[in-house]
Amino acid sequence: MEGTRKKNAISKSKLILMVLLAVLILIQLVRPQKNTAAIPAGKAFVDTFKVSEQVNAILAVSCYDCHSNNTDYPWYSEIQPMAWFMDKHIKDGKEKLNFDELPSYGSRRLNSKFTQITKQIEQDKMPLTSYLWMHEGARLSMEDKKLLVDYFNSLTDN
């Protein structure tokens, strides 16, 4: 009797494991569309707002992946459910701020965006902690923060 229960428990465990494995394999077939465009990330922003190479280098490492029309995808973005998580993260980021769209905004909306950017940086809300887990190089130093805040403040009509 005891042996039969153990065999049933093992069989159920194997079945659950096989179902989970099958689901994991099947979800690999459902892929979100990549965030890529013909124009390099931030190009229109850099050209329109006379961004220095130093500021643009910081934005490229710390901001453009989630806040432009071009994402540099790491290897783990090919594995589900990470690709879905990243896709949602990128869509949410672009909804709040897309550097590639800023040149098309009116001055009032631009001032608002630039003010929001400086507040996010000053309050250490960007880049997100979850992004920094896998992109340590995106962490902003005090010098980076000052450079970005000074730059975006220079663009606002105070």
Protein backbone atom coordinates (compact mmCIF):
# COMPACT_ATOMS: atom_id res chain seq x y z
CA MET A 1 0.00 0.00 0.00
CA GLU A 2 2.79 2.40 1.00
CA GLY A 3 4.74 1.55 -2.16
CA THR A 4 1.72 2.25 -4.36
CA ARG A 5 1.28 5.72 -2.82
CA LYS A 6 4.94 6.54 -3.41
CA LYS A 7 4.70 5.40 -7.04
CA ASN A 8 1.55 7.54 -7.55
CA ALA A 9 3.24 10.56 -5.97
CA ILE A 10 6.29 10.10 -8.20
CA SER A 11 4.08 9.65 -11.27
CA LYS A 12 2.15 12.84 -10.44
CA SER A 13 5.41 14.74 -9.91
CA LYS A 14 6.75 13.51 -13.25
CA LEU A 15 3.51 14.47 -14.99
CA ILE A 16 3.55 17.97 -13.48
CA LEU A 17 7.20 18.39 -14.45
CA MET A 18 6.52 17.24 -18.02
CA VAL A 19 3.54 19.61 -18.36
CA LEU A 20 5.61 22.52 -17.05
CA LEU A 21 8.42 21.68 -19.45
CA ALA A 22 5.98 21.46 -22.37
CA VAL A 23 4.49 24.86 -21.45
CA LEU A 24 7.97 26.37 -21.18
CA ILE A 25 8.85 25.04 -24.63
CA LEU A 26 5.57 26.19 -26.20
CA ILE A 27 5.78 29.74 -24.86
CA GLN A 28 9.09 30.12 -26.71
CA LEU A 29 7.05 30.22 -29.93
CA VAL A 30 5.13 33.37 -28.90
CA ARG A 31 7.45 36.34 -29.39
CA PRO A 32 6.78 40.06 -29.03
CA GLN A 33 7.80 42.40 -31.82
CA LYS A 34 11.25 43.94 -31.37
CA ASN A 35 11.63 47.66 -30.69
CA THR A 36 13.77 48.62 -33.68
CA ALA A 37 13.66 51.47 -36.17
CA ALA A 38 15.81 52.52 -39.13
CA ILE A 39 17.01 55.68 -37.38
CA PRO A 40 19.53 55.12 -34.55
CA ALA A 41 18.24 55.65 -31.01
CA GLY A 42 18.22 59.30 -30.00
CA LYS A 43 19.49 60.54 -33.39
CA ALA A 44 16.70 63.09 -33.92
CA PHE A 45 16.93 64.16 -30.28
CA VAL A 46 20.73 64.63 -30.50
CA ASP A 47 20.48 66.61 -33.74
CA THR A 48 17.56 68.80 -32.61
CA PHE A 49 18.75 69.61 -29.10
CA LYS A 50 22.51 69.84 -29.71
CA VAL A 51 23.37 67.07 -27.29
CA SER A 52 27.05 66.80 -26.39
CA GLU A 53 28.83 63.50 -26.97
CA GLN A 54 29.24 63.07 -23.21
CA VAL A 55 25.52 63.53 -22.46
CA ASN A 56 24.54 61.32 -25.39
CA ALA A 57 26.91 58.57 -24.22
CA ILE A 58 25.19 58.56 -20.82
CA LEU A 59 21.72 58.53 -22.40
CA ALA A 60 22.74 55.70 -24.75
CA VAL A 61 23.89 53.49 -21.88
CA SER A 62 21.25 54.41 -19.30
CA CYS A 63 18.11 55.55 -21.12
CA TYR A 64 17.67 54.71 -24.79
CA ASP A 65 16.94 50.98 -24.38
CA CYS A 66 13.57 51.78 -22.78
CA HIS A 67 13.00 55.36 -23.94
CA SER A 68 13.63 55.29 -27.71
CA ASN A 69 12.53 53.42 -30.80
CA ASN A 70 15.63 51.20 -30.70
CA THR A 71 16.52 48.72 -28.00
CA ASP A 72 19.83 46.90 -27.74
CA TYR A 73 18.56 43.43 -26.83
CA PRO A 74 20.66 41.23 -24.53
CA TRP A 75 20.86 37.45 -24.95
CA TYR A 76 18.22 36.72 -22.30
CA SER A 77 15.61 38.65 -24.30
CA GLU A 78 15.34 35.57 -26.52
CA ILE A 79 13.98 33.46 -23.66
CA GLN A 80 10.33 33.57 -22.59
CA PRO A 81 8.95 34.93 -20.35
CA MET A 82 11.84 37.47 -20.19
CA ALA A 83 11.00 38.80 -23.65
CA TRP A 84 7.43 39.54 -22.53
CA PHE A 85 8.67 41.28 -19.39
CA MET A 86 11.09 43.38 -21.44
CA ASP A 87 8.46 44.19 -24.05
CA LYS A 88 6.08 45.50 -21.38
CA HIS A 89 8.91 47.42 -19.72
CA ILE A 90 9.90 49.05 -23.04
CA LYS A 91 6.31 49.92 -23.97
CA ASP A 92 5.72 51.49 -20.54
CA GLY A 93 8.99 53.41 -20.80
CA LYS A 94 8.24 54.75 -24.28
CA GLU A 95 4.73 55.74 -23.21
CA LYS A 96 6.20 58.00 -20.52
CA LEU A 97 9.18 59.28 -22.51
CA ASN A 98 10.48 58.56 -25.99
CA PHE A 99 13.59 60.56 -26.90
CA ASP A 100 12.94 59.85 -30.58
CA GLU A 101 9.61 61.70 -30.40
CA LEU A 102 10.70 64.73 -28.36
CA PRO A 103 11.62 66.85 -31.41
CA SER A 104 7.96 66.78 -32.51
CA TYR A 105 6.65 68.19 -29.20
CA GLY A 106 5.59 71.78 -28.60
CA SER A 107 7.60 73.95 -26.20
CA ARG A 108 5.16 73.58 -23.30
CA ARG A 109 5.18 69.79 -23.49
CA LEU A 110 8.97 69.76 -23.90
CA ASN A 111 9.42 71.87 -20.78
CA SER A 112 7.23 69.44 -18.88
CA LYS A 113 9.19 66.41 -20.15
CA PHE A 114 12.58 68.00 -19.36
CA THR A 115 11.39 68.90 -15.86
CA GLN A 116 10.14 65.34 -15.33
CA ILE A 117 13.46 63.93 -16.53
CA THR A 118 15.45 66.03 -14.06
CA LYS A 119 13.13 65.08 -11.19
CA GLN A 120 13.43 61.36 -12.02
CA ILE A 121 17.22 61.63 -12.07
CA GLU A 122 17.45 63.71 -8.88
CA GLN A 123 15.15 61.31 -7.03
CA ASP A 124 17.15 58.25 -8.23
CA LYS A 125 14.08 56.81 -9.95
CA MET A 126 15.89 56.29 -13.23
CA PRO A 127 17.29 54.03 -14.42
CA LEU A 128 15.02 51.52 -12.74
CA THR A 129 16.56 49.16 -10.22
CA SER A 130 15.27 46.18 -12.21
CA TYR A 131 17.19 47.48 -15.26
CA LEU A 132 20.35 47.97 -13.23
CA TRP A 133 20.31 44.33 -12.08
CA MET A 134 21.36 43.24 -15.55
CA HIS A 135 22.95 46.52 -16.76
CA GLU A 136 25.33 47.62 -14.03
CA GLY A 137 27.03 50.00 -16.45
CA ALA A 138 23.80 52.00 -16.72
CA ARG A 139 24.05 53.17 -13.09
CA LEU A 140 24.41 56.96 -12.99
CA SER A 141 27.33 58.37 -11.03
CA MET A 142 26.96 61.67 -9.21
CA GLU A 143 28.86 63.33 -12.08
CA ASP A 144 26.53 61.73 -14.64
CA LYS A 145 23.47 62.93 -12.73
CA LYS A 146 24.82 66.47 -12.47
CA LEU A 147 25.71 66.56 -16.15
CA LEU A 148 22.24 65.32 -17.18
CA VAL A 149 20.35 67.58 -14.76
CA ASP A 150 22.35 70.63 -15.86
CA TYR A 151 21.78 69.76 -19.51
CA PHE A 152 18.01 69.26 -19.20
CA ASN A 153 17.66 72.33 -17.00
CA SER A 154 19.39 74.33 -19.73
CA LEU A 155 16.65 73.27 -22.14
CA THR A 156 13.72 74.40 -20.01
CA ASP A 157 12.16 77.86 -20.17
CA ASN A 158 12.45 78.63 -16.43
